[in-house]
Amino acid sequence: MNLKTIGWAEYIDYPEWGIDGVKAKIDTGARSSALHVENLEDLGDGRVEFDVVYSRRKPFKRKRVTAPVVKWARVRSSTGHFQKRCFVMARIRIGEEECEVEISLVSRDKMLFRMLLGRKALEHRFLVDVSRRNVLSSRRSKKKKIT
């Protein structure tokens, strides 16, 4: 088995959703992955619609997404409280590596990282080097203004 090494933080793309550069914390202590969304709406036909908020500093930068529901499940948050969460499948890309992962949709409004990538998404795919970050991904370069 050839595992790719990733850092404790990476930028994650969602190619099927047209979303690039979501800042994610790699969390081997969390079982499931979680993505910060707002305006979650159950469409009643096995699908949900929600806004993915790309950045904490730019809450206006968002994209509306519709996805099929995998399940609704009780999840214990980091504070120890249980919440009922919606889970969807998403194709993610870290650098050149792509895979399908199950993600819970939740408000991470107070959290620094818009996403947590948990150990279920990591197993059999990635090895985490906790001394590094952005091993497979890099911060998107900003275009310089020409004056």
Protein backbone atom coordinates (compact mmCIF):
# COMPACT_ATOMS: atom_id res chain seq x y z
CA MET A 1 0.00 0.00 0.00
CA ASN A 2 1.45 3.33 -1.09
CA LEU A 3 0.22 6.09 1.23
CA LYS A 4 0.65 9.76 0.28
CA THR A 5 2.00 12.04 2.99
CA ILE A 6 -0.04 15.13 3.86
CA GLY A 7 0.48 17.86 6.43
CA TRP A 8 -1.68 18.74 9.44
CA ALA A 9 -3.39 21.39 7.26
CA GLU A 10 -4.11 21.30 3.53
CA TYR A 11 -6.19 23.18 0.94
CA ILE A 12 -8.98 21.01 -0.42
CA ASP A 13 -10.80 21.34 -3.74
CA TYR A 14 -14.26 19.99 -4.60
CA PRO A 15 -13.98 19.53 -8.39
CA GLU A 16 -17.57 18.34 -8.94
CA TRP A 17 -18.91 21.33 -6.99
CA GLY A 18 -16.59 23.86 -8.68
CA ILE A 19 -14.99 24.83 -5.36
CA ASP A 20 -11.24 25.36 -4.87
CA GLY A 21 -9.01 26.11 -1.92
CA VAL A 22 -11.03 25.34 1.22
CA LYS A 23 -8.69 25.47 4.22
CA ALA A 24 -8.85 22.13 6.08
CA LYS A 25 -7.40 20.78 9.28
CA ILE A 26 -6.38 17.13 9.15
CA ASP A 27 -7.80 15.68 12.36
CA THR A 28 -6.89 12.09 13.20
CA GLY A 29 -8.87 12.46 16.45
CA ALA A 30 -12.13 13.04 14.60
CA ARG A 31 -13.84 9.98 13.15
CA SER A 32 -15.81 11.79 10.47
CA SER A 33 -15.09 14.78 8.25
CA ALA A 34 -17.03 18.04 8.58
CA LEU A 35 -17.57 20.98 6.24
CA HIS A 36 -18.79 24.43 7.24
CA VAL A 37 -22.06 25.22 5.46
CA GLU A 38 -24.85 27.73 5.90
CA ASN A 39 -28.52 27.77 4.83
CA LEU A 40 -28.88 23.96 4.81
CA GLU A 41 -32.22 23.06 3.28
CA ASP A 42 -33.73 19.56 3.04
CA LEU A 43 -35.38 19.39 -0.39
CA GLY A 44 -37.46 16.39 0.69
CA ASP A 45 -36.46 14.14 -2.22
CA GLY A 46 -33.29 12.69 -0.70
CA ARG A 47 -31.27 15.80 -1.55
CA VAL A 48 -30.12 18.87 0.36
CA GLU A 49 -29.06 22.31 -0.76
CA PHE A 50 -26.53 24.42 1.12
CA ASP A 51 -24.01 27.24 0.87
CA VAL A 52 -20.33 26.29 1.14
CA VAL A 53 -18.48 29.23 2.71
CA TYR A 54 -14.91 29.18 1.38
CA SER A 55 -13.20 31.39 3.91
CA ARG A 56 -13.67 32.71 7.42
CA ARG A 57 -12.25 36.09 6.41
CA LYS A 58 -14.44 36.35 3.31
CA PRO A 59 -17.90 35.05 4.31
CA PHE A 60 -19.36 36.54 1.12
CA LYS A 61 -17.30 34.09 -0.94
CA ARG A 62 -19.65 31.13 -1.14
CA LYS A 63 -21.25 28.65 -3.52
CA ARG A 64 -24.71 27.06 -3.48
CA VAL A 65 -24.53 23.26 -3.83
CA THR A 66 -27.14 20.51 -4.16
CA ALA A 67 -26.15 16.98 -3.13
CA PRO A 68 -27.82 13.63 -2.39
CA VAL A 69 -28.08 12.74 1.31
CA VAL A 70 -26.15 9.65 2.40
CA LYS A 71 -27.60 9.63 5.92
CA TRP A 72 -28.69 11.70 8.90
CA ALA A 73 -26.81 10.69 12.06
CA ARG A 74 -26.10 11.78 15.61
CA VAL A 75 -22.55 13.07 15.99
CA ARG A 76 -20.77 14.06 19.18
CA SER A 77 -19.08 17.42 18.68
CA SER A 78 -15.70 18.40 20.13
CA THR A 79 -17.59 20.01 23.05
CA GLY A 80 -19.20 16.64 23.88
CA HIS A 81 -22.72 17.57 22.77
CA PHE A 82 -24.70 15.45 20.31
CA GLN A 83 -26.11 16.94 17.11
CA LYS A 84 -28.13 15.45 14.27
CA ARG A 85 -26.10 16.02 11.10
CA CYS A 86 -26.60 15.51 7.40
CA PHE A 87 -23.92 13.50 5.56
CA VAL A 88 -23.16 13.71 1.84
CA MET A 89 -20.52 12.14 -0.40
CA ALA A 90 -18.08 14.48 -2.11
CA ARG A 91 -15.14 14.08 -4.44
CA ILE A 92 -12.22 15.98 -2.94
CA ARG A 93 -8.80 16.81 -4.32
CA ILE A 94 -5.67 17.50 -2.28
CA GLY A 95 -2.92 18.49 -4.69
CA GLU A 96 -3.13 15.83 -7.41
CA GLU A 97 -4.81 13.21 -5.19
CA GLU A 98 -8.59 12.70 -5.59
CA CYS A 99 -10.97 10.53 -3.59
CA GLU A 100 -14.62 10.21 -2.50
CA VAL A 101 -15.28 11.01 1.15
CA GLU A 102 -18.32 11.16 3.41
CA ILE A 103 -18.73 14.63 4.91
CA SER A 104 -21.07 15.97 7.57
CA LEU A 105 -22.55 19.40 6.93
CA VAL A 106 -22.34 21.64 9.99
CA SER A 107 -21.79 25.19 11.16
CA ARG A 108 -18.10 25.71 11.94
CA ASP A 109 -18.62 29.45 12.18
CA LYS A 110 -16.40 29.91 15.24
CA MET A 111 -13.69 27.58 13.95
CA LEU A 112 -10.53 28.68 12.17
CA PHE A 113 -10.71 25.91 9.55
CA ARG A 114 -13.74 25.60 7.27
CA MET A 115 -13.25 21.83 7.11
CA LEU A 116 -12.02 18.92 9.21
CA LEU A 117 -10.75 15.86 7.39
CA GLY A 118 -11.28 12.94 9.78
CA ARG A 119 -9.64 9.56 10.06
CA LYS A 120 -12.28 7.66 8.02
CA ALA A 121 -11.33 9.80 4.99
CA LEU A 122 -7.63 9.36 5.72
CA GLU A 123 -7.44 5.59 6.25
CA HIS A 124 -5.73 3.56 3.52
CA ARG A 125 -4.99 6.80 1.60
CA PHE A 126 -2.85 9.24 3.58
CA LEU A 127 -0.11 9.41 6.18
CA VAL A 128 -0.12 12.63 8.25
CA ASP A 129 3.14 14.46 8.97
CA VAL A 130 2.17 16.65 11.94
CA SER A 131 5.33 18.75 11.64
CA ARG A 132 4.33 20.09 8.21
CA ARG A 133 1.39 21.71 6.47
CA ASN A 134 0.34 22.10 2.84
CA VAL A 135 2.48 19.17 1.72
CA LEU A 136 0.27 18.24 -1.27
CA SER A 137 -1.55 21.53 -1.68
CA SER A 138 -0.41 25.11 -1.70
CA ARG A 139 -2.04 28.43 -1.00
CA ARG A 140 -3.47 29.87 -4.18
CA SER A 141 -1.23 32.65 -5.43
CA LYS A 142 -2.93 36.02 -5.60
CA LYS A 143 -2.65 37.95 -8.82
CA LYS A 144 -0.49 41.02 -8.39
CA LYS A 145 -1.88 44.39 -9.30
CA ILE A 146 -0.01 46.18 -12.01
CA THR A 147 0.19 49.89 -11.21
